[in-house]
Protein backbone atom coordinates (compact mmCIF):
# COMPACT_ATOMS: atom_id res chain seq x y z
CA MET A 1 97.58 150.51 -95.26
CA ASP A 2 94.73 153.02 -95.37
CA ASN A 3 94.19 152.30 -99.07
CA MET A 4 94.16 148.54 -98.65
CA PRO A 5 90.77 146.80 -98.64
CA ALA A 6 89.73 145.13 -95.39
CA TRP A 7 89.73 141.67 -96.97
CA TRP A 8 93.42 142.04 -97.88
CA VAL A 9 94.40 143.18 -94.38
CA GLU A 10 92.49 140.23 -92.91
CA ALA A 11 94.04 137.79 -95.39
CA ILE A 12 97.58 138.96 -94.60
CA ALA A 13 96.91 138.57 -90.88
CA ILE A 14 95.48 135.07 -91.33
CA GLU A 15 98.35 133.92 -93.55
CA TYR A 16 101.33 135.44 -91.75
CA LEU A 17 100.50 136.47 -88.16
CA ASP A 18 99.60 134.91 -84.81
CA CYS A 19 95.83 135.47 -84.63
CA ARG A 20 94.39 132.14 -83.44
CA GLU A 21 93.39 130.50 -80.20
CA TYR A 22 93.90 126.74 -80.58
CA GLY A 23 91.35 124.18 -79.47
CA PHE A 24 88.24 122.52 -80.87
CA ASN A 25 85.00 124.48 -80.88
CA GLN A 26 81.36 123.44 -81.18
CA GLY A 27 81.50 123.84 -84.96
CA GLY A 28 84.18 121.18 -85.26
CA GLY A 29 87.01 123.56 -86.05
CA PHE A 30 90.16 123.53 -83.96
CA TRP A 31 90.82 127.25 -84.08
CA ASN A 32 89.15 130.49 -83.07
CA PHE A 33 90.36 133.72 -84.60
CA ASN A 34 91.40 136.40 -82.14
CA PHE A 35 92.65 139.41 -84.06
CA ASP A 36 93.20 141.30 -80.82
CA LYS A 37 96.34 139.18 -80.39
CA ILE A 38 97.98 140.87 -83.37
CA ASP A 39 100.72 143.39 -82.65
CA LYS A 40 99.98 146.52 -84.70
CA GLN A 41 103.63 147.01 -85.59
CA LYS A 42 103.89 143.45 -86.89
CA LEU A 43 100.70 143.93 -88.89
CA THR A 44 102.11 147.09 -90.47
CA GLU A 45 105.35 145.28 -91.32
CA ALA A 46 103.47 142.34 -92.81
CA LEU A 47 101.33 144.61 -94.97
CA ASN A 48 104.46 146.37 -96.23
CA GLU A 49 106.49 143.22 -96.84
CA LYS A 50 104.08 140.43 -97.81
CA LYS A 51 102.79 140.48 -101.36
CA ILE A 52 101.01 137.20 -101.90
CA ILE A 53 98.15 135.16 -100.46
CA ILE A 54 96.09 132.13 -101.36
CA PRO A 55 92.67 133.73 -100.80
CA HIS A 56 89.59 132.46 -99.09
CA GLY A 57 87.45 133.30 -102.08
CA THR A 58 87.77 134.67 -105.59
CA LEU A 59 88.74 138.18 -106.64
CA MET A 60 86.02 139.56 -108.91
CA HIS A 61 86.04 142.76 -110.94
CA ASN A 62 84.11 144.84 -113.48
CA LEU A 63 80.72 144.35 -111.82
CA ASN A 64 78.81 145.41 -108.74
CA GLU A 65 78.95 142.99 -105.85
CA SER A 66 75.19 143.24 -105.28
CA VAL A 67 74.51 142.32 -108.92
CA TYR A 68 76.85 139.34 -108.69
CA ARG A 69 75.40 138.04 -105.42
CA THR A 70 71.88 138.27 -106.85
CA ARG A 71 72.93 136.32 -109.93
CA ILE A 72 74.69 133.68 -107.82
CA LEU A 73 71.48 133.09 -105.85
CA GLU A 74 69.59 132.68 -109.11
CA LEU A 75 72.09 130.10 -110.35
CA LEU A 76 71.70 128.17 -107.10
CA PHE A 77 67.93 128.24 -106.69
CA SER A 78 66.38 129.16 -110.03
CA THR A 79 65.70 126.84 -112.96
CA VAL A 80 66.39 129.81 -115.24
CA PRO A 81 70.20 130.17 -115.02
CA LEU A 82 71.47 133.18 -116.95
CA TYR A 83 75.13 134.02 -116.94
CA ILE A 84 76.33 137.50 -116.24
CA CYS A 85 79.32 137.79 -118.57
CA GLU A 86 80.50 136.63 -121.97
CA GLU A 87 83.86 135.29 -120.78
CA GLU A 88 84.98 134.11 -117.35
CA SER A 89 87.79 136.68 -117.26
CA ASP A 90 85.25 139.50 -117.67
CA ALA A 91 84.28 138.94 -114.03
CA ILE A 92 86.92 136.65 -112.48
CA VAL A 93 90.28 138.37 -112.38
CA GLU A 94 92.99 136.66 -114.41
CA GLY A 95 95.99 138.94 -114.29
CA LEU A 96 95.62 142.62 -113.43
CA SER A 97 92.43 143.60 -111.62
CA SER A 98 90.28 146.60 -112.46
CA LYS A 99 89.81 149.13 -109.66
CA ASN A 100 86.18 148.06 -109.34
CA ARG A 101 86.70 144.78 -107.49
CA PHE A 102 85.65 142.69 -104.50
CA LEU A 103 86.54 139.35 -102.93
CA PHE A 104 83.68 136.89 -103.16
CA SER A 105 83.58 134.04 -100.63
CA SER A 106 80.78 131.61 -99.93
CA ASN A 107 81.96 130.72 -96.39
CA GLY A 108 83.08 132.89 -93.51
CA ILE A 109 86.30 132.41 -91.56
CA ASP A 110 84.27 131.20 -88.60
CA ALA A 111 83.49 128.08 -90.65
CA VAL A 112 86.78 127.64 -92.50
CA ASP A 113 90.34 128.64 -91.71
CA PRO A 114 91.73 129.83 -95.06
CA LYS A 115 95.19 128.66 -94.06
CA LEU A 116 93.99 125.07 -93.98
CA GLU A 117 92.51 125.30 -97.46
CA LEU A 118 93.83 125.68 -100.98
CA ASN A 119 92.17 127.66 -103.74
CA PRO A 120 92.33 127.64 -107.54
CA HIS A 121 93.81 131.16 -107.44
CA PHE A 122 96.49 133.19 -105.74
CA ILE A 123 96.52 136.98 -105.35
CA VAL A 124 99.46 139.38 -105.45
CA TYR A 125 99.44 143.01 -104.33
CA GLU A 126 102.30 145.23 -105.44
CA ASN A 127 102.81 148.78 -106.66
CA GLY A 128 99.22 149.59 -105.76
CA ASN A 129 97.78 146.91 -108.05
CA PHE A 130 96.07 143.59 -107.40
CA TYR A 131 96.76 140.55 -109.57
CA GLN A 132 95.07 137.19 -109.50
CA TRP A 133 96.21 134.06 -111.33
CA LYS A 134 94.69 130.62 -111.54
CA PHE A 135 97.12 127.85 -110.68
CA ALA A 136 95.04 124.83 -109.64
CA ASP A 137 91.83 122.89 -110.21
CA PHE A 138 89.70 120.95 -107.75
CA GLU A 139 88.97 117.39 -108.81
CA SER A 140 86.96 114.54 -107.38
CA VAL A 141 88.80 111.40 -106.27
CA GLU A 142 87.28 108.00 -106.88
CA GLY A 143 86.63 105.99 -103.75
CA ARG A 144 86.45 108.84 -101.25
CA HIS A 145 83.99 111.59 -100.39
CA TYR A 146 86.42 114.50 -100.64
CA GLY A 147 88.45 115.71 -103.59
CA LYS A 148 91.87 117.26 -104.08
CA PHE A 149 93.58 120.17 -105.78
CA THR A 150 95.83 119.49 -108.74
CA SER A 151 98.08 121.83 -110.68
CA GLN A 152 100.10 121.88 -113.88
CA VAL A 153 102.57 124.44 -112.52
CA VAL A 154 103.25 123.37 -108.91
CA ASP A 155 103.26 120.10 -106.97
CA LEU A 156 100.33 119.98 -104.55
CA GLU A 157 100.46 116.31 -103.55
CA VAL A 158 101.65 117.00 -100.01
CA PHE A 159 98.53 119.11 -99.36
CA ASP A 160 96.38 116.05 -99.87
CA GLN A 161 97.60 114.83 -96.45
CA GLU A 162 95.89 117.70 -94.63
CA TYR A 163 92.45 116.10 -94.54
CA GLU A 164 93.70 112.90 -92.87
CA ARG A 165 95.86 114.82 -90.41
CA ARG A 166 92.85 116.95 -89.50
CA ALA A 167 90.76 113.81 -89.00
CA GLN A 168 93.38 112.43 -86.61
CA LEU A 169 93.16 115.60 -84.53
CA HIS A 170 89.39 115.23 -84.36
CA GLU A 171 89.72 111.61 -83.23
CA MET A 172 92.12 112.70 -80.51
CA TRP A 173 89.66 115.37 -79.37
CA VAL A 174 86.88 112.78 -79.14
CA SER A 175 89.01 110.21 -77.33
CA GLU A 176 90.39 112.70 -74.82
CA LYS A 177 86.95 114.29 -74.35
CA GLY A 178 88.13 117.85 -74.65
CA ASN A 179 90.93 120.24 -75.44
CA THR A 180 93.77 118.79 -73.40
CA SER A 181 97.19 120.41 -73.41
CA ALA A 182 98.47 117.46 -75.45
CA LEU A 183 95.80 118.06 -78.09
CA ILE A 184 96.55 121.77 -78.26
CA ASP A 185 100.23 120.95 -78.77
CA LYS A 186 99.23 118.64 -81.64
CA ILE A 187 97.11 121.40 -83.19
CA GLN A 188 100.04 123.80 -83.02
CA GLU A 189 102.22 121.15 -84.64
CA HIS A 190 99.63 120.85 -87.39
CA TYR A 191 99.84 124.57 -88.11
CA ASP A 192 103.64 124.39 -88.07
CA TRP A 193 103.40 121.67 -90.70
CA ILE A 194 100.97 123.78 -92.72
CA ASN A 195 103.45 126.68 -92.62
CA SER A 196 106.26 124.38 -93.74
CA ILE A 197 104.41 123.47 -96.94
CA ARG A 198 102.63 126.76 -97.65
CA THR A 199 105.71 128.98 -97.38
CA PRO A 200 107.60 127.36 -100.29
CA LEU A 201 104.36 127.17 -102.28
CA LEU A 202 103.77 130.91 -101.87
CA GLU A 203 107.37 131.62 -102.84
CA ARG A 204 107.00 129.55 -106.02
CA LEU A 205 103.65 131.15 -106.85
CA TYR A 206 105.20 134.60 -106.60
CA GLU A 207 107.91 133.48 -109.02
CA ILE A 208 105.15 132.34 -111.38
CA HIS A 209 103.53 135.77 -111.04
CA VAL A 210 106.79 137.48 -112.06
CA GLU A 211 107.17 135.11 -115.01
CA LYS A 212 103.61 135.76 -116.19
CA LEU A 213 104.09 139.52 -116.13
CA LYS A 214 106.92 139.36 -118.67
CA ASP A 215 104.60 138.87 -121.64
CA TYR A 216 101.29 139.87 -120.06
CA LYS A 217 98.94 142.37 -121.72
CA PRO A 218 95.78 143.28 -119.79
CA SER A 219 92.61 142.70 -121.81
CA LYS A 220 89.85 142.89 -119.20
CA VAL A 221 90.81 145.99 -117.25
CA THR A 222 88.63 149.08 -117.32
CA GLU A 223 88.49 152.36 -115.45
CA ASN A 224 84.77 152.76 -116.09
CA LYS A 225 82.13 152.32 -113.42
CA ALA A 226 80.21 149.05 -113.63
CA PRO A 227 76.64 149.41 -114.95
CA GLN A 228 73.62 148.02 -113.13
CA LEU A 229 72.46 144.84 -114.85
CA SER A 230 69.12 143.06 -114.77
CA ARG A 231 68.99 139.26 -114.78
CA PHE A 232 68.50 139.24 -118.56
CA GLU A 233 71.59 141.34 -119.28
CA SER A 234 75.22 140.30 -119.59
CA PHE A 235 78.43 142.19 -120.23
CA THR A 236 81.90 141.87 -121.65
CA ILE A 237 84.99 144.09 -121.66
CA LYS A 238 86.48 145.01 -125.04
CA GLU A 239 89.46 147.33 -125.30
CA GLY A 240 88.82 148.65 -121.81
CA LYS A 241 85.17 149.49 -122.43
CA TYR A 242 81.94 147.91 -121.19
CA HIS A 243 79.66 146.27 -123.73
CA THR A 244 76.28 144.88 -122.65
CA LYS A 245 73.81 142.48 -124.22
CA SER A 246 70.19 141.85 -123.30
CA LEU A 247 67.75 139.02 -123.90
CA GLY A 248 64.44 140.54 -124.89
CA ALA A 249 62.41 137.35 -125.36
CA PRO A 250 61.97 136.44 -121.66
CA ILE A 251 61.09 140.03 -120.75
CA PHE A 252 58.49 140.24 -123.51
CA PHE A 253 57.10 136.80 -122.68
CA ASN A 254 56.70 137.61 -119.00
CA SER A 255 54.80 140.79 -119.85
CA LEU A 256 52.74 138.92 -122.45
CA VAL A 257 51.57 136.47 -119.79
CA ALA A 258 50.48 139.35 -117.55
CA HIS A 259 48.51 141.09 -120.32
CA VAL A 260 46.78 137.87 -121.42
CA LYS A 261 45.69 137.28 -117.82
CA ALA A 262 44.36 140.84 -117.64
CA VAL A 263 42.35 140.42 -120.86
CA ASN A 264 40.84 137.13 -119.71
CA ALA A 265 39.91 138.65 -116.35
CA LEU A 266 38.12 141.53 -118.09
CA TYR A 267 36.13 139.17 -120.30
CA GLN A 268 35.25 136.87 -117.39
CA GLY A 269 33.73 139.80 -115.54
CA CYS A 270 31.25 140.44 -118.37
CA LYS A 271 28.21 138.17 -118.59
CA HIS A 272 26.33 140.38 -121.06
CA GLU A 273 27.25 142.70 -123.91
CA VAL A 274 26.04 145.69 -121.96
CA GLU A 275 28.74 144.98 -119.36
CA LEU A 276 31.40 144.54 -122.04
CA ILE A 277 31.03 147.88 -123.82
CA PRO A 278 32.43 150.09 -120.99
CA LYS A 279 35.47 147.80 -120.74
CA LEU A 280 36.38 147.72 -124.44
CA ASP A 281 38.99 150.47 -124.18
CA LYS A 282 40.79 148.64 -121.37
CA ILE A 283 40.44 145.31 -123.21
CA TYR A 284 41.96 146.84 -126.34
CA GLN A 285 44.83 148.35 -124.34
CA GLU A 286 45.70 145.03 -122.77
CA SER A 287 45.15 143.11 -126.02
CA ALA A 288 47.29 145.49 -128.08
CA SER A 289 50.11 145.12 -125.57
CA ALA A 290 49.77 141.33 -125.72
CA VAL A 291 49.95 141.30 -129.54
CA ILE A 292 52.98 143.58 -129.75
CA LEU A 293 54.79 141.76 -126.94
CA GLY A 294 53.98 138.34 -128.40
CA ALA A 295 55.39 139.27 -131.80
CA SER A 296 58.41 140.93 -130.15
CA CYS A 297 59.03 137.82 -128.04
CA LEU A 298 59.09 135.58 -131.10
CA GLU A 299 61.30 137.90 -133.11
CA SER A 300 63.71 138.41 -130.23
CA PHE A 301 63.97 134.67 -129.64
CA ILE A 302 64.65 133.94 -133.33
CA ASN A 303 67.24 136.71 -133.42
CA GLU A 304 68.90 135.15 -130.39
CA LEU A 305 69.20 131.82 -132.21
CA GLY A 306 70.38 133.53 -135.37
CA TYR A 307 73.15 135.49 -133.68
CA LYS A 308 74.17 132.52 -131.56
CA TYR A 309 74.61 130.08 -134.44
CA TYR A 310 74.85 132.18 -137.62
CA ALA A 311 75.96 135.68 -136.62
CA ASP A 312 77.44 136.68 -140.00
CA ILE A 313 74.37 135.56 -141.95
CA TRP A 314 72.04 137.22 -139.46
CA ASP A 315 73.88 140.52 -139.66
CA SER A 316 73.74 140.56 -143.46
CA SER A 317 70.23 139.27 -144.13
CA GLY A 318 68.35 137.88 -141.13
CA GLU A 319 67.61 141.25 -139.55
CA LYS A 320 65.79 142.43 -142.68
CA MET A 321 63.25 139.60 -142.72
CA SER A 322 59.77 139.30 -141.27
CA VAL A 323 59.21 137.12 -138.20
CA ASP A 324 57.94 134.16 -140.21
CA GLY A 325 60.78 134.67 -142.70
CA LYS A 326 63.31 134.52 -139.86
CA ILE A 327 61.76 131.31 -138.55
CA ASP A 328 61.99 129.77 -142.01
CA LEU A 329 65.62 130.89 -142.37
CA ILE A 330 66.78 129.49 -139.03
CA LEU A 331 65.17 126.12 -139.82
CA LYS A 332 66.76 126.05 -143.28
CA LEU A 333 70.17 126.85 -141.80
CA LYS A 334 69.61 123.98 -139.36
CA ASN A 335 68.75 121.74 -142.34
CA VAL A 336 65.32 120.83 -141.01
CA GLU A 337 61.89 121.06 -142.60
CA ASN A 338 59.64 123.91 -141.54
CA PRO A 339 56.88 122.24 -139.47
CA PHE A 340 54.52 125.20 -139.63
CA ILE A 341 51.69 124.65 -142.12
CA LYS A 342 49.81 127.77 -143.17
CA GLY A 343 46.36 127.92 -141.63
CA VAL A 344 47.06 125.06 -139.19
CA GLU A 345 47.88 125.72 -135.52
CA PRO A 346 50.19 127.02 -134.30
CA ALA A 347 51.06 128.52 -137.71
CA ALA A 348 47.55 130.00 -137.94
CA THR A 349 48.14 131.97 -134.74
CA LEU A 350 51.53 133.06 -136.04
CA GLY A 351 49.92 134.44 -139.20
CA HIS A 352 47.16 136.24 -137.31
CA LEU A 353 49.67 137.59 -134.79
CA ILE A 354 51.92 139.08 -137.46
CA GLN A 355 48.91 140.57 -139.26
CA SER A 356 47.57 142.15 -136.06
CA ARG A 357 50.98 143.38 -134.98
CA ASN A 358 51.58 145.09 -138.33
CA HIS A 359 48.12 146.68 -138.22
CA LEU A 360 48.84 148.12 -134.78
CA VAL A 361 52.40 149.28 -135.38
CA HIS A 362 51.58 150.82 -138.76
CA ASN A 363 48.16 152.06 -137.73
CA LYS A 364 46.65 154.62 -140.10
CA PRO A 365 43.84 156.90 -138.88
CA LYS A 366 41.47 156.20 -141.76
CA TYR A 367 38.17 154.41 -142.07
CA GLU A 368 38.18 150.69 -142.74
CA GLN A 369 35.27 148.52 -143.76
CA VAL A 370 33.89 146.50 -140.87
CA LYS A 371 34.72 142.80 -140.69
CA LYS A 372 32.47 139.79 -140.49
CA TYR A 373 33.75 137.44 -137.84
CA GLN A 374 31.99 134.44 -136.27
CA ASN A 375 28.56 135.54 -137.57
CA SER A 376 29.03 139.03 -136.17
CA ILE A 377 29.93 142.39 -137.63
CA VAL A 378 32.97 143.79 -135.81
CA SER A 379 35.16 146.86 -136.10
CA ALA A 380 38.66 146.61 -137.53
CA MET A 381 40.16 147.06 -134.04
CA ASN A 382 37.92 144.34 -132.62
CA TYR A 383 38.94 142.00 -135.43
CA TYR A 384 42.67 142.47 -135.01
CA LEU A 385 42.39 142.19 -131.22
CA ARG A 386 39.75 139.47 -131.16
CA LYS A 387 39.26 137.41 -128.06
CA ASP A 388 40.15 134.01 -129.55
CA LEU A 389 43.56 135.36 -130.64
CA ILE A 390 44.41 136.87 -127.27
CA GLN A 391 42.91 134.50 -124.69
CA ASP A 392 45.63 131.85 -125.00
CA LEU A 393 48.26 133.76 -126.97
CA ASP A 394 50.95 133.05 -124.37
CA LYS A 395 50.37 129.30 -124.66
CA LYS A 396 50.50 129.45 -128.45
CA ILE A 397 53.70 131.51 -128.42
CA LYS A 398 55.16 128.93 -126.06
CA LEU A 399 54.14 126.14 -128.45
CA ILE A 400 55.73 127.92 -131.42
CA ILE A 401 59.02 128.38 -129.57
CA GLU A 402 59.00 124.79 -128.32
CA THR A 403 58.38 123.54 -131.86
CA ILE A 404 61.27 125.61 -133.22
CA CYS A 405 63.58 124.35 -130.46
CA GLU A 406 62.57 120.73 -130.99
CA LYS A 407 63.06 120.89 -134.76
CA SER A 408 66.35 122.81 -134.58
CA ASP A 409 67.66 120.78 -131.62
CA THR A 410 68.57 123.92 -129.70
CA GLY A 411 66.96 123.22 -126.32
CA VAL A 412 63.94 124.96 -124.84
CA PRO A 413 64.97 128.02 -122.77
CA GLY A 414 64.24 127.70 -119.05
CA TRP A 415 62.40 131.01 -118.84
CA LEU A 416 59.67 129.73 -121.18
CA ASN A 417 58.34 127.30 -118.57
CA ASN A 418 58.85 129.49 -115.51
CA PRO A 419 57.53 133.01 -116.15
CA SER A 420 56.51 133.27 -112.49
CA LEU A 421 60.19 133.11 -111.48
CA TRP A 422 60.72 136.72 -112.46
CA SER A 423 58.05 138.69 -110.66
CA GLN A 424 57.91 142.46 -110.67
CA ASP A 425 59.64 142.70 -107.31
CA GLY A 426 62.64 140.84 -108.73
CA SER A 427 62.32 137.80 -106.48
CA VAL A 428 63.64 134.46 -107.65
């Protein structure tokens, strides 16, 4: 009992023991949990004897609960949904659970009595191990505002009556204007009926568990500690080991936007050349970061498309190409014409960006002849980090990515239009 998680102890009590006060409450429920009613000896016996529950939630494993809850909030409220794992079974237990686990539930037992609800999964605890198996799906029903659970392995039709029976109890509560003794008797009868249909279901589900174990081989179980993951990282379990993947493009793009803003702010604060000179070092720092991040964003995004649709080709040849070569390759593989015309925007920016990026990354400390640009003589650094390249570089990168997505019919990523959704403090 000491080694059992609190959620399991609570679930056993809710499923098998007398822990309710019957009667409607202000929330509309006709129960109130009172765990003080539970006899400790009976609880100990139940924990030793009972092996199966239909949980009020989903057993998760292989990730930190705080990471998962953060990602769930993003999926609910952000227009930039990014999934945390490669396969559902990486995070949602199907079979044996890893030691690193938690029960995730969106509603508390003050709002829902788990015994009155079904769930797509059932959980078994035996020999010190937790197992979870999916046995049902929730489906909508035409002509009514509530759905039903269906299953390929057990008959759940009788459970569809629970909603109407519950509604009848509510009508009785309204008509009798309170919790009369007759109503409380009816509520107890309702729970007796629930027990009469849940008990054989749990027995059959345990039989299914035993049957599944006969040819079961765990594939998503690991003893390793779960890594911390940012919103642009995902994981999978292979042969008991963690493997992680990151999306670089949104990270680089977000930083690019910040550096472009910084460059523009520096220029806007200079009305005369004499005011500009002291700020050149800072302007070059911000501009160099923008160039490198812009090129990295494009390359990372193209690599993402390449590995998503043509992994074998990308491994063998795509990685060795230049950024513009990769763009050309992905469009050829998609059987579409390359829309970028040399010297014409946004291809002109792409060419200048690659040229500037290469100059910075492969910088050689030797003298270069000055450049003539817009009727002025400028240094090599000034030329490669010129204002007209940097001042709207984020918008041009966005246009290039949008053009690639439109031509290749791959869909514009949500992060491209919402860089403000991932601020430095991590808020959604």
